Amino acid sequence: NFQEIIVNLSRSVATPHQIIFTTSMLNPELD
């Protein structure tokens, strides 16, 4: 759920930015 929150935040802004995160529990919808 938190991974989806990260992606939704990134999609909601038009300004160039970068978010890098690591995970051992990748959300299948984000693969």
PDB file of all heavy atoms in Angstrom:
ATOM      1  N   ASN A   1       0.831  -1.204   0.000  1.00  0.00           N
ATOM      2  CA  ASN A   1       0.000   0.000   0.000  1.00  0.00           C
ATOM      3  C   ASN A   1       0.869   1.260   0.000  1.00  0.00           C
ATOM      4  O   ASN A   1       0.587   2.229  -0.719  1.00  0.00           O
ATOM      5  CB  ASN A   1      -0.923  -0.006   1.216  1.00  0.00           C
ATOM      6  CG  ASN A   1      -1.806   1.230   1.268  1.00  0.00           C
ATOM      7  OD1 ASN A   1      -2.733   1.374   0.475  1.00  0.00           O
ATOM      8  ND2 ASN A   1      -1.530   2.108   2.209  1.00  0.00           N
ATOM      9  N   PHE A   2       1.946   1.243   0.826  1.00  0.00           N
ATOM     10  CA  PHE A   2       2.795   2.437   0.889  1.00  0.00           C
ATOM     11  C   PHE A   2       3.529   2.651  -0.432  1.00  0.00           C
ATOM     12  O   PHE A   2       3.764   3.789  -0.840  1.00  0.00           O
ATOM     13  CB  PHE A   2       3.795   2.323   2.042  1.00  0.00           C
ATOM     14  CG  PHE A   2       4.439   3.634   2.385  1.00  0.00           C
ATOM     15  CD1 PHE A   2       3.775   4.579   3.143  1.00  0.00           C
ATOM     16  CD2 PHE A   2       5.710   3.946   1.920  1.00  0.00           C
ATOM     17  CE1 PHE A   2       4.360   5.795   3.437  1.00  0.00           C
ATOM     18  CE2 PHE A   2       6.302   5.154   2.210  1.00  0.00           C
ATOM     19  CZ  PHE A   2       5.620   6.086   2.984  1.00  0.00           C
ATOM     20  N   GLN A   3       3.904   1.566  -1.121  1.00  0.00           N
ATOM     21  CA  GLN A   3       4.527   1.709  -2.432  1.00  0.00           C
ATOM     22  C   GLN A   3       3.576   2.392  -3.410  1.00  0.00           C
ATOM     23  O   GLN A   3       3.984   3.214  -4.238  1.00  0.00           O
ATOM     24  CB  GLN A   3       4.961   0.337  -2.955  1.00  0.00           C
ATOM     25  CG  GLN A   3       6.093  -0.304  -2.157  1.00  0.00           C
ATOM     26  CD  GLN A   3       6.362  -1.731  -2.559  1.00  0.00           C
ATOM     27  OE1 GLN A   3       6.295  -2.080  -3.724  1.00  0.00           O
ATOM     28  NE2 GLN A   3       6.667  -2.579  -1.571  1.00  0.00           N
ATOM     29  N   GLU A   4       2.285   2.060  -3.318  1.00  0.00           N
ATOM     30  CA  GLU A   4       1.299   2.725  -4.171  1.00  0.00           C
ATOM     31  C   GLU A   4       1.186   4.209  -3.805  1.00  0.00           C
ATOM     32  O   GLU A   4       1.008   5.058  -4.688  1.00  0.00           O
ATOM     33  CB  GLU A   4      -0.062   2.038  -4.030  1.00  0.00           C
ATOM     34  CG  GLU A   4      -0.124   0.647  -4.642  1.00  0.00           C
ATOM     35  CD  GLU A   4      -1.513   0.042  -4.525  1.00  0.00           C
ATOM     36  OE1 GLU A   4      -2.419   0.734  -4.022  1.00  0.00           O
ATOM     37  OE2 GLU A   4      -1.686  -1.115  -4.934  1.00  0.00           O
ATOM     38  N   ILE A   5       1.286   4.511  -2.508  1.00  0.00           N
ATOM     39  CA  ILE A   5       1.253   5.915  -2.077  1.00  0.00           C
ATOM     40  C   ILE A   5       2.410   6.692  -2.709  1.00  0.00           C
ATOM     41  O   ILE A   5       2.241   7.821  -3.180  1.00  0.00           O
ATOM     42  CB  ILE A   5       1.317   5.988  -0.537  1.00  0.00           C
ATOM     43  CG1 ILE A   5       0.047   5.396   0.085  1.00  0.00           C
ATOM     44  CG2 ILE A   5       1.513   7.431  -0.073  1.00  0.00           C
ATOM     45  CD1 ILE A   5       0.090   5.310   1.601  1.00  0.00           C
ATOM     46  N   ILE A   6       3.590   6.060  -2.732  1.00  0.00           N
ATOM     47  CA  ILE A   6       4.763   6.718  -3.324  1.00  0.00           C
ATOM     48  C   ILE A   6       4.527   7.002  -4.804  1.00  0.00           C
ATOM     49  O   ILE A   6       4.760   8.118  -5.298  1.00  0.00           O
ATOM     50  CB  ILE A   6       6.020   5.840  -3.142  1.00  0.00           C
ATOM     51  CG1 ILE A   6       6.380   5.712  -1.660  1.00  0.00           C
ATOM     52  CG2 ILE A   6       7.203   6.422  -3.918  1.00  0.00           C
ATOM     53  CD1 ILE A   6       7.508   4.736  -1.382  1.00  0.00           C
ATOM     54  N   VAL A   7       4.039   5.994  -5.532  1.00  0.00           N
ATOM     55  CA  VAL A   7       3.821   6.159  -6.968  1.00  0.00           C
ATOM     56  C   VAL A   7       2.737   7.198  -7.236  1.00  0.00           C
ATOM     57  O   VAL A   7       2.864   8.034  -8.143  1.00  0.00           O
ATOM     58  CB  VAL A   7       3.454   4.799  -7.602  1.00  0.00           C
ATOM     59  CG1 VAL A   7       3.031   4.983  -9.055  1.00  0.00           C
ATOM     60  CG2 VAL A   7       4.639   3.849  -7.514  1.00  0.00           C
ATOM     61  N   ASN A   8       1.669   7.186  -6.450  1.00  0.00           N
ATOM     62  CA  ASN A   8       0.591   8.167  -6.642  1.00  0.00           C
ATOM     63  C   ASN A   8       1.080   9.587  -6.382  1.00  0.00           C
ATOM     64  O   ASN A   8       0.685  10.523  -7.092  1.00  0.00           O
ATOM     65  CB  ASN A   8      -0.584   7.839  -5.722  1.00  0.00           C
ATOM     66  CG  ASN A   8      -1.306   6.561  -6.141  1.00  0.00           C
ATOM     67  OD1 ASN A   8      -1.246   6.164  -7.314  1.00  0.00           O
ATOM     68  ND2 ASN A   8      -1.981   5.926  -5.200  1.00  0.00           N
ATOM     69  N   LEU A   9       1.928   9.751  -5.363  1.00  0.00           N
ATOM     70  CA  LEU A   9       2.492  11.081  -5.107  1.00  0.00           C
ATOM     71  C   LEU A   9       3.323  11.533  -6.306  1.00  0.00           C
ATOM     72  O   LEU A   9       3.223  12.685  -6.745  1.00  0.00           O
ATOM     73  CB  LEU A   9       3.353  11.052  -3.847  1.00  0.00           C
ATOM     74  CG  LEU A   9       4.151  12.342  -3.570  1.00  0.00           C
ATOM     75  CD1 LEU A   9       3.215  13.492  -3.213  1.00  0.00           C
ATOM     76  CD2 LEU A   9       5.172  12.135  -2.449  1.00  0.00           C
ATOM     77  N   SER A  10       4.160  10.632  -6.823  1.00  0.00           N
ATOM     78  CA  SER A  10       5.008  10.986  -7.963  1.00  0.00           C
ATOM     79  C   SER A  10       4.162  11.371  -9.178  1.00  0.00           C
ATOM     80  O   SER A  10       4.481  12.326  -9.899  1.00  0.00           O
ATOM     81  CB  SER A  10       5.925   9.807  -8.308  1.00  0.00           C
ATOM     82  OG  SER A  10       6.712  10.086  -9.431  1.00  0.00           O
ATOM     83  N   ARG A  11       3.087  10.648  -9.399  1.00  0.00           N
ATOM     84  CA  ARG A  11       2.227  10.937 -10.554  1.00  0.00           C
ATOM     85  C   ARG A  11       1.470  12.254 -10.402  1.00  0.00           C
ATOM     86  O   ARG A  11       1.072  12.862 -11.392  1.00  0.00           O
ATOM     87  CB  ARG A  11       1.240   9.791 -10.749  1.00  0.00           C
ATOM     88  CG  ARG A  11       1.865   8.515 -11.315  1.00  0.00           C
ATOM     89  CD  ARG A  11       0.875   7.375 -11.294  1.00  0.00           C
ATOM     90  NE  ARG A  11       1.397   6.182 -11.988  1.00  0.00           N
ATOM     91  CZ  ARG A  11       0.859   4.966 -11.908  1.00  0.00           C
ATOM     92  NH1 ARG A  11      -0.232   4.785 -11.128  1.00  0.00           N
ATOM     93  NH2 ARG A  11       1.385   3.959 -12.565  1.00  0.00           N
ATOM     94  N   SER A  12       1.268  12.680  -9.153  1.00  0.00           N
ATOM     95  CA  SER A  12       0.438  13.862  -8.914  1.00  0.00           C
ATOM     96  C   SER A  12       1.175  15.174  -9.134  1.00  0.00           C
ATOM     97  O   SER A  12       0.542  16.232  -9.144  1.00  0.00           O
ATOM     98  CB  SER A  12      -0.100  13.829  -7.477  1.00  0.00           C
ATOM     99  OG  SER A  12       0.950  14.006  -6.537  1.00  0.00           O
ATOM    100  N   VAL A  13       2.501  15.126  -9.271  1.00  0.00           N
ATOM    101  CA  VAL A  13       3.267  16.367  -9.448  1.00  0.00           C
ATOM    102  C   VAL A  13       3.914  16.369 -10.830  1.00  0.00           C
ATOM    103  O   VAL A  13       4.352  15.338 -11.335  1.00  0.00           O
ATOM    104  CB  VAL A  13       4.352  16.519  -8.358  1.00  0.00           C
ATOM    105  CG1 VAL A  13       3.699  16.652  -6.992  1.00  0.00           C
ATOM    106  CG2 VAL A  13       5.320  15.362  -8.365  1.00  0.00           C
ATOM    107  N   ALA A  14       3.932  17.557 -11.428  1.00  0.00           N
ATOM    108  CA  ALA A  14       4.510  17.691 -12.774  1.00  0.00           C
ATOM    109  C   ALA A  14       5.971  18.134 -12.730  1.00  0.00           C
ATOM    110  O   ALA A  14       6.664  18.076 -13.741  1.00  0.00           O
ATOM    111  CB  ALA A  14       3.693  18.698 -13.580  1.00  0.00           C
ATOM    112  N   THR A  15       6.438  18.579 -11.569  1.00  0.00           N
ATOM    113  CA  THR A  15       7.812  19.068 -11.442  1.00  0.00           C
ATOM    114  C   THR A  15       8.799  17.901 -11.506  1.00  0.00           C
ATOM    115  O   THR A  15       8.550  16.848 -10.917  1.00  0.00           O
ATOM    116  CB  THR A  15       7.976  19.783 -10.095  1.00  0.00           C
ATOM    117  OG1 THR A  15       7.002  20.817 -10.005  1.00  0.00           O
ATOM    118  CG2 THR A  15       9.359  20.389  -9.972  1.00  0.00           C
ATOM    119  N   PRO A  16       9.925  18.051 -12.201  1.00  0.00           N
ATOM    120  CA  PRO A  16      10.938  16.982 -12.223  1.00  0.00           C
ATOM    121  C   PRO A  16      11.394  16.627 -10.813  1.00  0.00           C
ATOM    122  O   PRO A  16      11.670  17.500  -9.984  1.00  0.00           O
ATOM    123  CB  PRO A  16      12.085  17.589 -13.045  1.00  0.00           C
ATOM    124  CG  PRO A  16      11.429  18.618 -13.892  1.00  0.00           C
ATOM    125  CD  PRO A  16      10.317  19.181 -13.081  1.00  0.00           C
ATOM    126  N   HIS A  17      11.463  15.336 -10.528  1.00  0.00           N
ATOM    127  CA  HIS A  17      11.870  14.858  -9.215  1.00  0.00           C
ATOM    128  C   HIS A  17      12.347  13.417  -9.355  1.00  0.00           C
ATOM    129  O   HIS A  17      12.211  12.808 -10.419  1.00  0.00           O
ATOM    130  CB  HIS A  17      10.700  14.918  -8.221  1.00  0.00           C
ATOM    131  CG  HIS A  17       9.567  14.013  -8.606  1.00  0.00           C
ATOM    132  ND1 HIS A  17       8.617  14.371  -9.553  1.00  0.00           N
ATOM    133  CD2 HIS A  17       9.233  12.749  -8.206  1.00  0.00           C
ATOM    134  CE1 HIS A  17       7.755  13.369  -9.711  1.00  0.00           C
ATOM    135  NE2 HIS A  17       8.113  12.375  -8.901  1.00  0.00           N
ATOM    136  N   GLN A  18      12.885  12.874  -8.263  1.00  0.00           N
ATOM    137  CA  GLN A  18      13.320  11.479  -8.292  1.00  0.00           C
ATOM    138  C   GLN A  18      13.156  10.855  -6.913  1.00  0.00           C
ATOM    139  O   GLN A  18      13.560  11.432  -5.905  1.00  0.00           O
ATOM    140  CB  GLN A  18      14.785  11.359  -8.727  1.00  0.00           C
ATOM    141  CG  GLN A  18      15.239   9.909  -8.939  1.00  0.00           C
ATOM    142  CD  GLN A  18      16.647   9.820  -9.504  1.00  0.00           C
ATOM    143  OE1 GLN A  18      17.591  10.320  -8.912  1.00  0.00           O
ATOM    144  NE2 GLN A  18      16.783   9.203 -10.669  1.00  0.00           N
ATOM    145  N   ILE A  19      12.520   9.678  -6.893  1.00  0.00           N
ATOM    146  CA  ILE A  19      12.353   8.890  -5.679  1.00  0.00           C
ATOM    147  C   ILE A  19      12.962   7.513  -5.940  1.00  0.00           C
ATOM    148  O   ILE A  19      12.562   6.825  -6.876  1.00  0.00           O
ATOM    149  CB  ILE A  19      10.868   8.734  -5.301  1.00  0.00           C
ATOM    150  CG1 ILE A  19      10.201  10.104  -5.123  1.00  0.00           C
ATOM    151  CG2 ILE A  19      10.723   7.904  -4.029  1.00  0.00           C
ATOM    152  CD1 ILE A  19       8.694  10.027  -4.954  1.00  0.00           C
ATOM    153  N   ILE A  20      13.926   7.123  -5.122  1.00  0.00           N
ATOM    154  CA  ILE A  20      14.555   5.798  -5.234  1.00  0.00           C
ATOM    155  C   ILE A  20      14.278   5.062  -3.930  1.00  0.00           C
ATOM    156  O   ILE A  20      14.549   5.599  -2.851  1.00  0.00           O
ATOM    157  CB  ILE A  20      16.074   5.918  -5.462  1.00  0.00           C
ATOM    158  CG1 ILE A  20      16.381   6.754  -6.718  1.00  0.00           C
ATOM    159  CG2 ILE A  20      16.703   4.534  -5.585  1.00  0.00           C
ATOM    160  CD1 ILE A  20      17.868   7.035  -6.922  1.00  0.00           C
ATOM    161  N   PHE A  21      13.722   3.860  -4.025  1.00  0.00           N
ATOM    162  CA  PHE A  21      13.550   3.077  -2.805  1.00  0.00           C
ATOM    163  C   PHE A  21      13.817   1.606  -3.084  1.00  0.00           C
ATOM    164  O   PHE A  21      13.709   1.136  -4.218  1.00  0.00           O
ATOM    165  CB  PHE A  21      12.161   3.294  -2.178  1.00  0.00           C
ATOM    166  CG  PHE A  21      11.005   2.695  -2.917  1.00  0.00           C
ATOM    167  CD1 PHE A  21      10.603   1.374  -2.712  1.00  0.00           C
ATOM    168  CD2 PHE A  21      10.278   3.457  -3.824  1.00  0.00           C
ATOM    169  CE1 PHE A  21       9.509   0.833  -3.374  1.00  0.00           C
ATOM    170  CE2 PHE A  21       9.185   2.931  -4.493  1.00  0.00           C
ATOM    171  CZ  PHE A  21       8.807   1.606  -4.276  1.00  0.00           C
ATOM    172  N   THR A  22      14.195   0.902  -2.010  1.00  0.00           N
ATOM    173  CA  THR A  22      14.466  -0.526  -2.100  1.00  0.00           C
ATOM    174  C   THR A  22      13.332  -1.288  -1.420  1.00  0.00           C
ATOM    175  O   THR A  22      12.682  -0.772  -0.506  1.00  0.00           O
ATOM    176  CB  THR A  22      15.800  -0.879  -1.411  1.00  0.00           C
ATOM    177  OG1 THR A  22      15.669  -0.630  -0.003  1.00  0.00           O
ATOM    178  CG2 THR A  22      16.938  -0.053  -1.975  1.00  0.00           C
ATOM    179  N   THR A  23      13.107  -2.522  -1.862  1.00  0.00           N
ATOM    180  CA  THR A  23      12.068  -3.332  -1.248  1.00  0.00           C
ATOM    181  C   THR A  23      12.342  -4.810  -1.474  1.00  0.00           C
ATOM    182  O   THR A  23      12.883  -5.200  -2.514  1.00  0.00           O
ATOM    183  CB  THR A  23      10.673  -2.977  -1.811  1.00  0.00           C
ATOM    184  OG1 THR A  23       9.700  -3.836  -1.209  1.00  0.00           O
ATOM    185  CG2 THR A  23      10.625  -3.160  -3.320  1.00  0.00           C
ATOM    186  N   SER A  24      11.985  -5.611  -0.492  1.00  0.00           N
ATOM    187  CA  SER A  24      12.004  -7.071  -0.657  1.00  0.00           C
ATOM    188  C   SER A  24      10.587  -7.602  -0.856  1.00  0.00           C
ATOM    189  O   SER A  24      10.394  -8.803  -1.003  1.00  0.00           O
ATOM    190  CB  SER A  24      12.644  -7.726   0.578  1.00  0.00           C
ATOM    191  OG  SER A  24      11.911  -7.407   1.742  1.00  0.00           O
ATOM    192  N   MET A  25       9.595  -6.667  -0.804  1.00  0.00           N
ATOM    193  CA  MET A  25       8.187  -7.045  -0.979  1.00  0.00           C
ATOM    194  C   MET A  25       7.580  -6.209  -2.095  1.00  0.00           C
ATOM    195  O   MET A  25       6.679  -5.404  -1.873  1.00  0.00           O
ATOM    196  CB  MET A  25       7.404  -6.806   0.319  1.00  0.00           C
ATOM    197  CG  MET A  25       7.976  -7.445   1.558  1.00  0.00           C
ATOM    198  SD  MET A  25       6.992  -6.972   3.019  1.00  0.00           S
ATOM    199  CE  MET A  25       7.976  -7.680   4.338  1.00  0.00           C
ATOM    200  N   LEU A  26       8.082  -6.344  -3.296  1.00  0.00           N
ATOM    201  CA  LEU A  26       7.628  -5.512  -4.403  1.00  0.00           C
ATOM    202  C   LEU A  26       6.142  -5.754  -4.675  1.00  0.00           C
ATOM    203  O   LEU A  26       5.686  -6.892  -4.834  1.00  0.00           O
ATOM    204  CB  LEU A  26       8.446  -5.807  -5.660  1.00  0.00           C
ATOM    205  CG  LEU A  26       8.041  -5.047  -6.922  1.00  0.00           C
ATOM    206  CD1 LEU A  26       8.189  -3.541  -6.713  1.00  0.00           C
ATOM    207  CD2 LEU A  26       8.888  -5.498  -8.111  1.00  0.00           C
ATOM    208  N   ASN A  27       5.409  -4.653  -4.747  1.00  0.00           N
ATOM    209  CA  ASN A  27       3.992  -4.728  -5.136  1.00  0.00           C
ATOM    210  C   ASN A  27       3.914  -5.251  -6.566  1.00  0.00           C
ATOM    211  O   ASN A  27       4.495  -4.654  -7.479  1.00  0.00           O
ATOM    212  CB  ASN A  27       3.366  -3.336  -5.031  1.00  0.00           C
ATOM    213  CG  ASN A  27       1.866  -3.347  -5.248  1.00  0.00           C
ATOM    214  OD1 ASN A  27       1.340  -4.152  -6.028  1.00  0.00           O
ATOM    215  ND2 ASN A  27       1.178  -2.433  -4.576  1.00  0.00           N
ATOM    216  N   PRO A  28       3.223  -6.374  -6.797  1.00  0.00           N
ATOM    217  CA  PRO A  28       3.178  -6.944  -8.157  1.00  0.00           C
ATOM    218  C   PRO A  28       2.694  -5.958  -9.209  1.00  0.00           C
ATOM    219  O   PRO A  28       3.124  -6.016 -10.367  1.00  0.00           O
ATOM    220  CB  PRO A  28       2.211  -8.129  -8.002  1.00  0.00           C
ATOM    221  CG  PRO A  28       2.256  -8.478  -6.559  1.00  0.00           C
ATOM    222  CD  PRO A  28       2.474  -7.190  -5.836  1.00  0.00           C
ATOM    223  N   GLU A  29       1.811  -5.052  -8.826  1.00  0.00           N
ATOM    224  CA  GLU A  29       1.302  -4.087  -9.800  1.00  0.00           C
ATOM    225  C   GLU A  29       2.358  -3.069 -10.213  1.00  0.00           C
ATOM    226  O   GLU A  29       2.179  -2.367 -11.210  1.00  0.00           O
ATOM    227  CB  GLU A  29       0.088  -3.371  -9.212  1.00  0.00           C
ATOM    228  CG  GLU A  29      -1.099  -4.294  -8.947  1.00  0.00           C
ATOM    229  CD  GLU A  29      -2.294  -3.523  -8.407  1.00  0.00           C
ATOM    230  OE1 GLU A  29      -2.195  -2.276  -8.307  1.00  0.00           O
ATOM    231  OE2 GLU A  29      -3.317  -4.155  -8.092  1.00  0.00           O
ATOM    232  N   LEU A  30       3.446  -2.994  -9.469  1.00  0.00           N
ATOM    233  CA  LEU A  30       4.512  -2.039  -9.792  1.00  0.00           C
ATOM    234  C   LEU A  30       5.720  -2.723 -10.421  1.00  0.00           C
ATOM    235  O   LEU A  30       6.744  -2.083 -10.651  1.00  0.00           O
ATOM    236  CB  LEU A  30       4.950  -1.292  -8.531  1.00  0.00           C
ATOM    237  CG  LEU A  30       3.852  -0.540  -7.774  1.00  0.00           C
ATOM    238  CD1 LEU A  30       4.443   0.182  -6.573  1.00  0.00           C
ATOM    239  CD2 LEU A  30       3.145   0.447  -8.686  1.00  0.00           C
ATOM    240  N   ASP A  31       5.596  -4.024 -10.684  1.00  0.00           N
ATOM    241  CA  ASP A  31       6.706  -4.767 -11.304  1.00  0.00           C
ATOM    242  C   ASP A  31       6.727  -4.476 -12.798  1.00  0.00           C
ATOM    243  O   ASP A  31       6.461  -5.332 -13.636  1.00  0.00           O
ATOM    244  CB  ASP A  31       6.550  -6.268 -11.038  1.00  0.00           C
ATOM    245  CG  ASP A  31       7.812  -7.048 -11.408  1.00  0.00           C
ATOM    246  OD1 ASP A  31       8.815  -6.401 -11.800  1.00  0.00           O
ATOM    247  OD2 ASP A  31       7.778  -8.284 -11.316  1.00  0.00           O
TER     248      ASP A  31
END
